[in-house]
Amino acid sequence: MTLGELMYRARTKLRLTQKEIANLMAISQGTYSRLERNLQNPTLYQMMQIRIHLHISLDKFFDNIPTKNRMV
């Protein structure tokens, strides 16, 4: 599962629209959409906001980061 898929599942489970979660994160709906569709990589701040507002555990969050983007 990609990070975007994880974000989509968590957001729909919470019954939030992209616009609602984007407002909570203080980003545009377009930016959130690109993150959810894996067209844009989140910043560190956005990663923290995603975890907080979508209630994603740290281990689940990092299990969904592609290996090529991880720092070893």
N, C-alpha and C. Protein backbone atom coordinates (compact mmCIF):
# COMPACT_ATOMS: atom_id res chain seq x y z
N MET A 1 0.85 -1.18 0.00
CA MET A 1 0.00 0.00 0.00
C MET A 1 0.89 1.24 0.00
N THR A 2 0.55 2.19 -0.82
CA THR A 2 1.32 3.44 -0.88
C THR A 2 0.87 4.38 0.24
N LEU A 3 1.66 5.42 0.47
CA LEU A 3 1.28 6.42 1.46
C LEU A 3 -0.03 7.08 1.07
N GLY A 4 -0.20 7.37 -0.22
CA GLY A 4 -1.45 7.97 -0.69
C GLY A 4 -2.65 7.09 -0.42
N GLU A 5 -2.51 5.79 -0.64
CA GLU A 5 -3.61 4.86 -0.36
C GLU A 5 -3.93 4.83 1.14
N LEU A 6 -2.89 4.85 1.95
CA LEU A 6 -3.08 4.89 3.40
C LEU A 6 -3.82 6.16 3.81
N MET A 7 -3.41 7.29 3.22
CA MET A 7 -4.08 8.56 3.51
C MET A 7 -5.55 8.51 3.10
N TYR A 8 -5.82 7.98 1.91
CA TYR A 8 -7.20 7.89 1.42
C TYR A 8 -8.05 7.04 2.35
N ARG A 9 -7.54 5.88 2.72
CA ARG A 9 -8.31 4.97 3.60
C ARG A 9 -8.58 5.62 4.96
N ALA A 10 -7.55 6.26 5.52
CA ALA A 10 -7.72 6.90 6.83
C ALA A 10 -8.70 8.07 6.74
N ARG A 11 -8.60 8.86 5.68
CA ARG A 11 -9.49 10.02 5.52
C ARG A 11 -10.94 9.58 5.34
N THR A 12 -11.17 8.58 4.50
CA THR A 12 -12.55 8.14 4.27
C THR A 12 -13.11 7.43 5.51
N LYS A 13 -12.26 6.75 6.26
CA LYS A 13 -12.71 6.13 7.51
C LYS A 13 -13.20 7.19 8.50
N LEU A 14 -12.54 8.36 8.49
CA LEU A 14 -12.94 9.47 9.35
C LEU A 14 -14.07 10.30 8.74
N ARG A 15 -14.47 9.93 7.54
CA ARG A 15 -15.55 10.63 6.81
C ARG A 15 -15.24 12.12 6.60
N LEU A 16 -14.00 12.38 6.21
CA LEU A 16 -13.58 13.74 5.92
C LEU A 16 -13.39 13.89 4.42
N THR A 17 -13.68 15.07 3.90
CA THR A 17 -13.40 15.36 2.50
C THR A 17 -11.94 15.81 2.39
N GLN A 18 -11.43 15.83 1.16
CA GLN A 18 -10.08 16.34 0.96
C GLN A 18 -9.99 17.79 1.41
N LYS A 19 -11.02 18.56 1.15
CA LYS A 19 -11.04 19.98 1.53
C LYS A 19 -10.97 20.13 3.05
N GLU A 20 -11.73 19.30 3.77
CA GLU A 20 -11.74 19.38 5.24
C GLU A 20 -10.37 19.04 5.82
N ILE A 21 -9.74 17.97 5.35
CA ILE A 21 -8.44 17.59 5.90
C ILE A 21 -7.38 18.60 5.48
N ALA A 22 -7.50 19.13 4.27
CA ALA A 22 -6.55 20.16 3.81
C ALA A 22 -6.65 21.40 4.69
N ASN A 23 -7.85 21.79 5.05
CA ASN A 23 -8.03 22.94 5.95
C ASN A 23 -7.39 22.69 7.31
N LEU A 24 -7.55 21.48 7.84
CA LEU A 24 -6.93 21.14 9.12
C LEU A 24 -5.40 21.21 9.04
N MET A 25 -4.88 20.84 7.88
CA MET A 25 -3.43 20.83 7.68
C MET A 25 -2.90 22.19 7.21
N ALA A 26 -3.77 23.13 6.94
CA ALA A 26 -3.41 24.47 6.45
C ALA A 26 -2.69 24.41 5.11
N ILE A 27 -3.20 23.54 4.21
CA ILE A 27 -2.70 23.46 2.84
C ILE A 27 -3.90 23.52 1.91
N SER A 28 -3.65 23.69 0.62
CA SER A 28 -4.75 23.74 -0.33
C SER A 28 -5.29 22.33 -0.59
N GLN A 29 -6.52 22.27 -1.06
CA GLN A 29 -7.12 20.98 -1.41
C GLN A 29 -6.33 20.35 -2.56
N GLY A 30 -5.83 21.16 -3.47
CA GLY A 30 -5.03 20.65 -4.58
C GLY A 30 -3.75 19.98 -4.11
N THR A 31 -3.08 20.59 -3.15
CA THR A 31 -1.86 19.99 -2.58
C THR A 31 -2.19 18.68 -1.91
N TYR A 32 -3.28 18.66 -1.12
CA TYR A 32 -3.66 17.41 -0.46
C TYR A 32 -3.97 16.33 -1.49
N SER A 33 -4.67 16.70 -2.54
CA SER A 33 -5.01 15.75 -3.59
C SER A 33 -3.76 15.15 -4.22
N ARG A 34 -2.76 15.99 -4.50
CA ARG A 34 -1.51 15.49 -5.08
C ARG A 34 -0.79 14.55 -4.12
N LEU A 35 -0.84 14.84 -2.83
CA LEU A 35 -0.23 13.95 -1.83
C LEU A 35 -0.95 12.60 -1.82
N GLU A 36 -2.27 12.65 -1.83
CA GLU A 36 -3.07 11.42 -1.76
C GLU A 36 -2.92 10.58 -3.03
N ARG A 37 -2.65 11.22 -4.16
CA ARG A 37 -2.46 10.50 -5.42
C ARG A 37 -1.00 10.18 -5.69
N ASN A 38 -0.14 10.41 -4.70
CA ASN A 38 1.30 10.13 -4.80
C ASN A 38 1.98 10.90 -5.93
N LEU A 39 1.48 12.08 -6.23
CA LEU A 39 2.08 12.92 -7.26
C LEU A 39 3.06 13.92 -6.66
N GLN A 40 3.03 14.02 -5.35
CA GLN A 40 3.90 14.96 -4.63
C GLN A 40 4.32 14.30 -3.33
N ASN A 41 5.58 14.46 -2.96
CA ASN A 41 6.05 13.93 -1.68
C ASN A 41 5.77 14.95 -0.58
N PRO A 42 5.31 14.48 0.58
CA PRO A 42 5.04 15.42 1.67
C PRO A 42 6.32 15.95 2.30
N THR A 43 6.24 17.18 2.78
CA THR A 43 7.34 17.73 3.57
C THR A 43 7.31 17.08 4.95
N LEU A 44 8.34 17.29 5.73
CA LEU A 44 8.36 16.74 7.09
C LEU A 44 7.18 17.28 7.89
N TYR A 45 6.92 18.57 7.77
CA TYR A 45 5.77 19.17 8.47
C TYR A 45 4.46 18.53 8.01
N GLN A 46 4.30 18.33 6.71
CA GLN A 46 3.08 17.71 6.19
C GLN A 46 2.95 16.27 6.69
N MET A 47 4.07 15.55 6.78
CA MET A 47 4.02 14.18 7.31
C MET A 47 3.50 14.17 8.74
N MET A 48 3.96 15.12 9.55
CA MET A 48 3.48 15.20 10.93
C MET A 48 1.99 15.52 10.96
N GLN A 49 1.58 16.44 10.11
CA GLN A 49 0.16 16.81 10.06
C GLN A 49 -0.71 15.65 9.60
N ILE A 50 -0.24 14.90 8.61
CA ILE A 50 -0.97 13.72 8.12
C ILE A 50 -1.17 12.73 9.27
N ARG A 51 -0.09 12.44 9.99
CA ARG A 51 -0.18 11.50 11.11
C ARG A 51 -1.15 11.97 12.18
N ILE A 52 -1.07 13.24 12.53
CA ILE A 52 -1.92 13.78 13.60
C ILE A 52 -3.39 13.78 13.20
N HIS A 53 -3.69 14.35 12.05
CA HIS A 53 -5.09 14.54 11.67
C HIS A 53 -5.77 13.30 11.13
N LEU A 54 -4.99 12.35 10.62
CA LEU A 54 -5.59 11.11 10.11
C LEU A 54 -5.42 9.95 11.09
N HIS A 55 -4.82 10.23 12.24
CA HIS A 55 -4.67 9.22 13.31
C HIS A 55 -3.93 7.98 12.80
N ILE A 56 -2.78 8.20 12.18
CA ILE A 56 -1.98 7.10 11.65
C ILE A 56 -0.79 6.89 12.58
N SER A 57 -0.60 5.65 13.03
CA SER A 57 0.52 5.36 13.93
C SER A 57 1.84 5.52 13.18
N LEU A 58 2.88 5.80 13.93
CA LEU A 58 4.20 6.03 13.35
C LEU A 58 4.68 4.80 12.59
N ASP A 59 4.53 3.61 13.16
CA ASP A 59 5.01 2.42 12.46
C ASP A 59 4.23 2.17 11.17
N LYS A 60 2.93 2.36 11.18
CA LYS A 60 2.13 2.18 9.97
C LYS A 60 2.50 3.24 8.93
N PHE A 61 2.73 4.44 9.39
CA PHE A 61 3.09 5.53 8.50
C PHE A 61 4.39 5.21 7.76
N PHE A 62 5.43 4.83 8.50
CA PHE A 62 6.72 4.58 7.87
C PHE A 62 6.78 3.27 7.12
N ASP A 63 5.91 2.33 7.41
CA ASP A 63 5.82 1.11 6.61
C ASP A 63 5.35 1.42 5.20
N ASN A 64 4.73 2.58 5.00
CA ASN A 64 4.17 2.94 3.71
C ASN A 64 4.99 3.98 2.95
N ILE A 65 6.17 4.29 3.45
CA ILE A 65 7.08 5.19 2.73
C ILE A 65 7.94 4.32 1.82
N PRO A 66 7.99 4.62 0.51
CA PRO A 66 8.82 3.81 -0.39
C PRO A 66 10.27 3.79 0.07
N THR A 67 10.92 2.67 -0.09
CA THR A 67 12.31 2.47 0.35
C THR A 67 13.24 3.51 -0.23
N LYS A 68 13.04 3.89 -1.50
CA LYS A 68 13.96 4.83 -2.13
C LYS A 68 13.91 6.21 -1.47
N ASN A 69 12.84 6.53 -0.72
CA ASN A 69 12.72 7.81 -0.05
C ASN A 69 13.18 7.76 1.40
N ARG A 70 13.50 6.58 1.90
CA ARG A 70 13.92 6.46 3.29
C ARG A 70 15.39 6.79 3.43
N MET A 71 15.70 7.39 4.55
CA MET A 71 17.11 7.63 4.87
C MET A 71 17.56 6.46 5.73
N VAL A 72 18.68 5.87 5.38
CA VAL A 72 19.17 4.70 6.11
C VAL A 72 20.26 5.10 7.06
